[in-house]
Each structure stands twice: as C-alpha cells, then as structure tokens.
Amino acid sequence: AADVSGQIFGVRANEIFLFNQNRPLRSVHRSEGWTPETIGNHAMPALKAHFYPLDRSQDVFSLAANPVSAAALMSNARSMPQFPR
C-alpha cells in the first residue's frame, strides 16, 4: 500500500476510478489585499481562462454501459441527501 499513498479513488458497482489530484492552476496577487470589487475586476478575469468545466457525472461516465448497475445507481441516488448546486 505504500506505493498508492495519497491517491484518490472512487468506486461504482464493479468499477474503480483513479481521480486526479487538486493542484493550483494559476494564482493572482495583490499586495494591498482584495475587495469584492478588485476580485471582480482583476482576479476573476485573470483566472477565468483556467476555470474547470462543470461537467456532470453523466457527461463523464457512461451509465448505459451497464444498465443494471445504472438502474441501481439511480435508485440509490434518489435516496441520498441533495445538496445545493
């Protein structure tokens, strides 16, 4: 197990996924600090080109590949707590 330390895995039915690590993509600095206005006028335009696309799981993972597992997954998803997006 020493060679898998720090890895992020996910499991769905008979599949195991390896996820990428969160790493900084870009940073912005302002020596005088930030206000809501300077974030909107300076930070967001500088960072926007590096925003991560907000794909949904069904856009990334094919549920049709295993319809039985997909039905079970959807059934379980309905019973899970819903969080605001």
N, C-alpha and C. Protein backbone atom coordinates (compact mmCIF):
# COMPACT_ATOMS: atom_id res chain seq x y z
N ALA A 1 0.81 -1.20 0.00
CA ALA A 1 0.00 0.00 0.00
C ALA A 1 0.85 1.27 0.00
N ALA A 2 2.13 1.17 0.30
CA ALA A 2 2.98 2.36 0.34
C ALA A 2 3.05 3.07 -1.01
N ASP A 3 2.93 2.34 -2.10
CA ASP A 3 3.05 2.95 -3.42
C ASP A 3 1.75 3.58 -3.93
N VAL A 4 0.66 3.50 -3.15
CA VAL A 4 -0.59 4.14 -3.55
C VAL A 4 -0.99 5.25 -2.58
N SER A 5 -0.14 5.62 -1.67
CA SER A 5 -0.44 6.66 -0.70
C SER A 5 -0.73 7.99 -1.40
N GLY A 6 -1.77 8.67 -0.94
CA GLY A 6 -2.12 9.97 -1.48
C GLY A 6 -2.97 9.92 -2.73
N GLN A 7 -3.38 8.76 -3.18
CA GLN A 7 -4.21 8.63 -4.37
C GLN A 7 -5.68 8.77 -4.00
N ILE A 8 -6.49 9.25 -4.95
CA ILE A 8 -7.92 9.43 -4.72
C ILE A 8 -8.67 8.45 -5.62
N PHE A 9 -9.42 7.54 -5.00
CA PHE A 9 -10.16 6.52 -5.71
C PHE A 9 -11.66 6.72 -5.52
N GLY A 10 -12.43 6.29 -6.49
CA GLY A 10 -13.88 6.24 -6.39
C GLY A 10 -14.33 4.88 -6.88
N VAL A 11 -15.47 4.40 -6.36
CA VAL A 11 -15.97 3.09 -6.73
C VAL A 11 -17.43 3.22 -7.13
N ARG A 12 -17.78 2.55 -8.23
CA ARG A 12 -19.17 2.46 -8.67
C ARG A 12 -19.38 1.04 -9.18
N ALA A 13 -20.23 0.30 -8.50
CA ALA A 13 -20.52 -1.09 -8.86
C ALA A 13 -19.20 -1.86 -9.00
N ASN A 14 -18.87 -2.35 -10.19
CA ASN A 14 -17.67 -3.16 -10.39
C ASN A 14 -16.50 -2.35 -10.94
N GLU A 15 -16.57 -1.02 -10.85
CA GLU A 15 -15.53 -0.16 -11.40
C GLU A 15 -14.79 0.57 -10.29
N ILE A 16 -13.51 0.76 -10.47
CA ILE A 16 -12.69 1.57 -9.57
C ILE A 16 -12.08 2.68 -10.42
N PHE A 17 -12.25 3.93 -9.98
CA PHE A 17 -11.74 5.09 -10.70
C PHE A 17 -10.57 5.70 -9.93
N LEU A 18 -9.58 6.17 -10.66
CA LEU A 18 -8.50 6.95 -10.09
C LEU A 18 -8.73 8.39 -10.52
N PHE A 19 -8.83 9.30 -9.55
CA PHE A 19 -9.09 10.70 -9.83
C PHE A 19 -7.79 11.50 -9.78
N ASN A 20 -7.81 12.63 -10.49
CA ASN A 20 -6.63 13.49 -10.48
C ASN A 20 -6.52 14.24 -9.15
N GLN A 21 -5.36 14.73 -8.88
CA GLN A 21 -5.10 15.48 -7.66
C GLN A 21 -5.44 16.95 -7.86
N ASN A 22 -5.93 17.60 -6.82
CA ASN A 22 -6.15 19.04 -6.88
C ASN A 22 -4.82 19.75 -6.76
N ARG A 23 -4.53 20.59 -7.71
CA ARG A 23 -3.30 21.37 -7.72
C ARG A 23 -3.63 22.80 -8.15
N PRO A 24 -2.92 23.77 -7.64
CA PRO A 24 -3.16 25.15 -8.12
C PRO A 24 -2.86 25.24 -9.62
N LEU A 25 -3.73 25.90 -10.35
CA LEU A 25 -3.54 26.10 -11.79
C LEU A 25 -2.95 27.48 -12.09
N ARG A 26 -3.37 28.47 -11.34
CA ARG A 26 -2.95 29.85 -11.56
C ARG A 26 -3.22 30.62 -10.28
N SER A 27 -2.44 31.65 -10.05
CA SER A 27 -2.69 32.49 -8.89
C SER A 27 -2.60 33.96 -9.30
N VAL A 28 -3.22 34.78 -8.51
CA VAL A 28 -3.11 36.23 -8.67
C VAL A 28 -2.77 36.81 -7.31
N HIS A 29 -2.00 37.88 -7.32
CA HIS A 29 -1.56 38.50 -6.07
C HIS A 29 -1.84 39.99 -6.15
N ARG A 30 -2.22 40.53 -5.02
CA ARG A 30 -2.45 41.98 -4.91
C ARG A 30 -1.88 42.39 -3.57
N SER A 31 -0.80 43.15 -3.59
CA SER A 31 -0.08 43.49 -2.35
C SER A 31 -0.95 44.24 -1.36
N GLU A 32 -1.91 45.02 -1.84
CA GLU A 32 -2.78 45.76 -0.92
C GLU A 32 -4.01 44.98 -0.48
N GLY A 33 -4.09 43.72 -0.87
CA GLY A 33 -5.22 42.87 -0.47
C GLY A 33 -6.36 42.94 -1.48
N TRP A 34 -7.44 42.27 -1.15
CA TRP A 34 -8.56 42.12 -2.07
C TRP A 34 -9.84 42.70 -1.49
N THR A 35 -10.65 43.25 -2.34
CA THR A 35 -12.01 43.67 -2.00
C THR A 35 -12.92 42.95 -2.98
N PRO A 36 -14.21 42.92 -2.72
CA PRO A 36 -15.10 42.30 -3.72
C PRO A 36 -14.95 42.94 -5.11
N GLU A 37 -14.73 44.23 -5.15
CA GLU A 37 -14.59 44.92 -6.43
C GLU A 37 -13.31 44.52 -7.15
N THR A 38 -12.18 44.46 -6.43
CA THR A 38 -10.92 44.09 -7.09
C THR A 38 -10.90 42.61 -7.48
N ILE A 39 -11.61 41.78 -6.72
CA ILE A 39 -11.73 40.37 -7.12
C ILE A 39 -12.47 40.30 -8.45
N GLY A 40 -13.59 41.03 -8.55
CA GLY A 40 -14.38 41.02 -9.78
C GLY A 40 -13.67 41.65 -10.96
N ASN A 41 -12.92 42.72 -10.71
CA ASN A 41 -12.27 43.46 -11.80
C ASN A 41 -10.90 42.91 -12.18
N HIS A 42 -10.22 42.27 -11.24
CA HIS A 42 -8.83 41.84 -11.50
C HIS A 42 -8.68 40.32 -11.45
N ALA A 43 -9.09 39.71 -10.33
CA ALA A 43 -8.84 38.28 -10.13
C ALA A 43 -9.65 37.41 -11.08
N MET A 44 -10.96 37.64 -11.15
CA MET A 44 -11.80 36.76 -11.97
C MET A 44 -11.41 36.80 -13.45
N PRO A 45 -11.18 37.98 -14.05
CA PRO A 45 -10.75 37.97 -15.46
C PRO A 45 -9.41 37.25 -15.66
N ALA A 46 -8.50 37.37 -14.70
CA ALA A 46 -7.20 36.71 -14.82
C ALA A 46 -7.32 35.19 -14.66
N LEU A 47 -8.27 34.73 -13.87
CA LEU A 47 -8.41 33.30 -13.59
C LEU A 47 -9.39 32.59 -14.53
N LYS A 48 -10.27 33.35 -15.17
CA LYS A 48 -11.39 32.75 -15.91
C LYS A 48 -10.95 31.75 -16.98
N ALA A 49 -9.88 32.03 -17.69
CA ALA A 49 -9.43 31.12 -18.74
C ALA A 49 -9.01 29.76 -18.19
N HIS A 50 -8.79 29.68 -16.89
CA HIS A 50 -8.34 28.44 -16.26
C HIS A 50 -9.43 27.76 -15.45
N PHE A 51 -10.66 28.28 -15.48
CA PHE A 51 -11.76 27.65 -14.76
C PHE A 51 -11.94 26.23 -15.25
N TYR A 52 -12.29 25.34 -14.32
CA TYR A 52 -12.52 23.94 -14.65
C TYR A 52 -13.95 23.78 -15.13
N PRO A 53 -14.18 23.05 -16.23
CA PRO A 53 -15.56 22.88 -16.71
C PRO A 53 -16.41 22.12 -15.70
N LEU A 54 -17.65 22.53 -15.57
CA LEU A 54 -18.55 21.92 -14.60
C LEU A 54 -19.35 20.79 -15.24
N ASP A 55 -18.62 19.74 -15.64
CA ASP A 55 -19.26 18.57 -16.20
C ASP A 55 -20.07 17.85 -15.11
N ARG A 56 -21.14 17.21 -15.54
CA ARG A 56 -21.90 16.37 -14.62
C ARG A 56 -21.40 14.95 -14.76
N SER A 57 -21.60 14.13 -13.74
CA SER A 57 -21.14 12.74 -13.78
C SER A 57 -21.62 12.02 -15.03
N GLN A 58 -22.89 12.22 -15.41
CA GLN A 58 -23.41 11.52 -16.59
C GLN A 58 -22.77 12.01 -17.88
N ASP A 59 -22.13 13.18 -17.87
CA ASP A 59 -21.39 13.66 -19.03
C ASP A 59 -20.02 12.99 -19.13
N VAL A 60 -19.50 12.52 -18.01
CA VAL A 60 -18.16 11.95 -17.96
C VAL A 60 -18.19 10.43 -17.95
N PHE A 61 -19.13 9.85 -17.20
CA PHE A 61 -19.24 8.40 -17.06
C PHE A 61 -20.45 7.91 -17.83
N SER A 62 -20.27 6.85 -18.57
CA SER A 62 -21.38 6.28 -19.33
C SER A 62 -22.19 5.35 -18.42
N LEU A 63 -23.45 5.70 -18.17
CA LEU A 63 -24.31 4.84 -17.37
C LEU A 63 -24.92 3.73 -18.22
N ALA A 64 -24.98 3.93 -19.53
CA ALA A 64 -25.61 2.94 -20.41
C ALA A 64 -24.75 1.70 -20.59
N ALA A 65 -23.48 1.75 -20.26
CA ALA A 65 -22.60 0.60 -20.46
C ALA A 65 -23.04 -0.60 -19.62
N ASN A 66 -23.66 -0.35 -18.48
CA ASN A 66 -24.12 -1.44 -17.62
C ASN A 66 -25.49 -1.03 -17.08
N PRO A 67 -26.58 -1.28 -17.83
CA PRO A 67 -27.90 -0.79 -17.44
C PRO A 67 -28.37 -1.27 -16.06
N VAL A 68 -27.99 -2.47 -15.66
CA VAL A 68 -28.42 -2.95 -14.34
C VAL A 68 -27.78 -2.09 -13.26
N SER A 69 -26.48 -1.88 -13.36
CA SER A 69 -25.80 -1.04 -12.39
C SER A 69 -26.29 0.40 -12.46
N ALA A 70 -26.61 0.86 -13.67
CA ALA A 70 -27.11 2.23 -13.82
C ALA A 70 -28.44 2.39 -13.10
N ALA A 71 -29.33 1.42 -13.23
CA ALA A 71 -30.63 1.49 -12.54
C ALA A 71 -30.43 1.49 -11.04
N ALA A 72 -29.54 0.64 -10.54
CA ALA A 72 -29.28 0.60 -9.11
C ALA A 72 -28.66 1.91 -8.64
N LEU A 73 -27.76 2.45 -9.45
CA LEU A 73 -27.12 3.72 -9.10
C LEU A 73 -28.15 4.83 -9.02
N MET A 74 -29.04 4.92 -9.99
CA MET A 74 -30.05 5.97 -9.99
C MET A 74 -31.01 5.80 -8.82
N SER A 75 -31.34 4.57 -8.48
CA SER A 75 -32.21 4.32 -7.35
C SER A 75 -31.55 4.79 -6.06
N ASN A 76 -30.27 4.47 -5.90
CA ASN A 76 -29.53 4.90 -4.71
C ASN A 76 -29.37 6.41 -4.67
N ALA A 77 -29.19 7.04 -5.83
CA ALA A 77 -29.00 8.49 -5.87
C ALA A 77 -30.24 9.22 -5.38
N ARG A 78 -31.43 8.68 -5.66
CA ARG A 78 -32.66 9.34 -5.22
C ARG A 78 -32.80 9.33 -3.70
N SER A 79 -32.18 8.35 -3.04
CA SER A 79 -32.31 8.27 -1.59
C SER A 79 -31.20 9.03 -0.86
N MET A 80 -30.24 9.58 -1.61
CA MET A 80 -29.15 10.31 -0.99
C MET A 80 -29.58 11.75 -0.72
N PRO A 81 -28.98 12.39 0.29
CA PRO A 81 -29.33 13.79 0.56
C PRO A 81 -28.92 14.66 -0.62
N GLN A 82 -29.73 15.66 -0.91
CA GLN A 82 -29.46 16.57 -2.01
C GLN A 82 -28.80 17.83 -1.47
N PHE A 83 -27.75 18.29 -2.12
CA PHE A 83 -27.03 19.48 -1.72
C PHE A 83 -27.24 20.55 -2.77
N PRO A 84 -27.29 21.81 -2.37
CA PRO A 84 -27.46 22.89 -3.36
C PRO A 84 -26.30 22.91 -4.34
N ARG A 85 -26.57 23.31 -5.58
CA ARG A 85 -25.52 23.40 -6.59
C ARG A 85 -24.95 24.78 -6.64
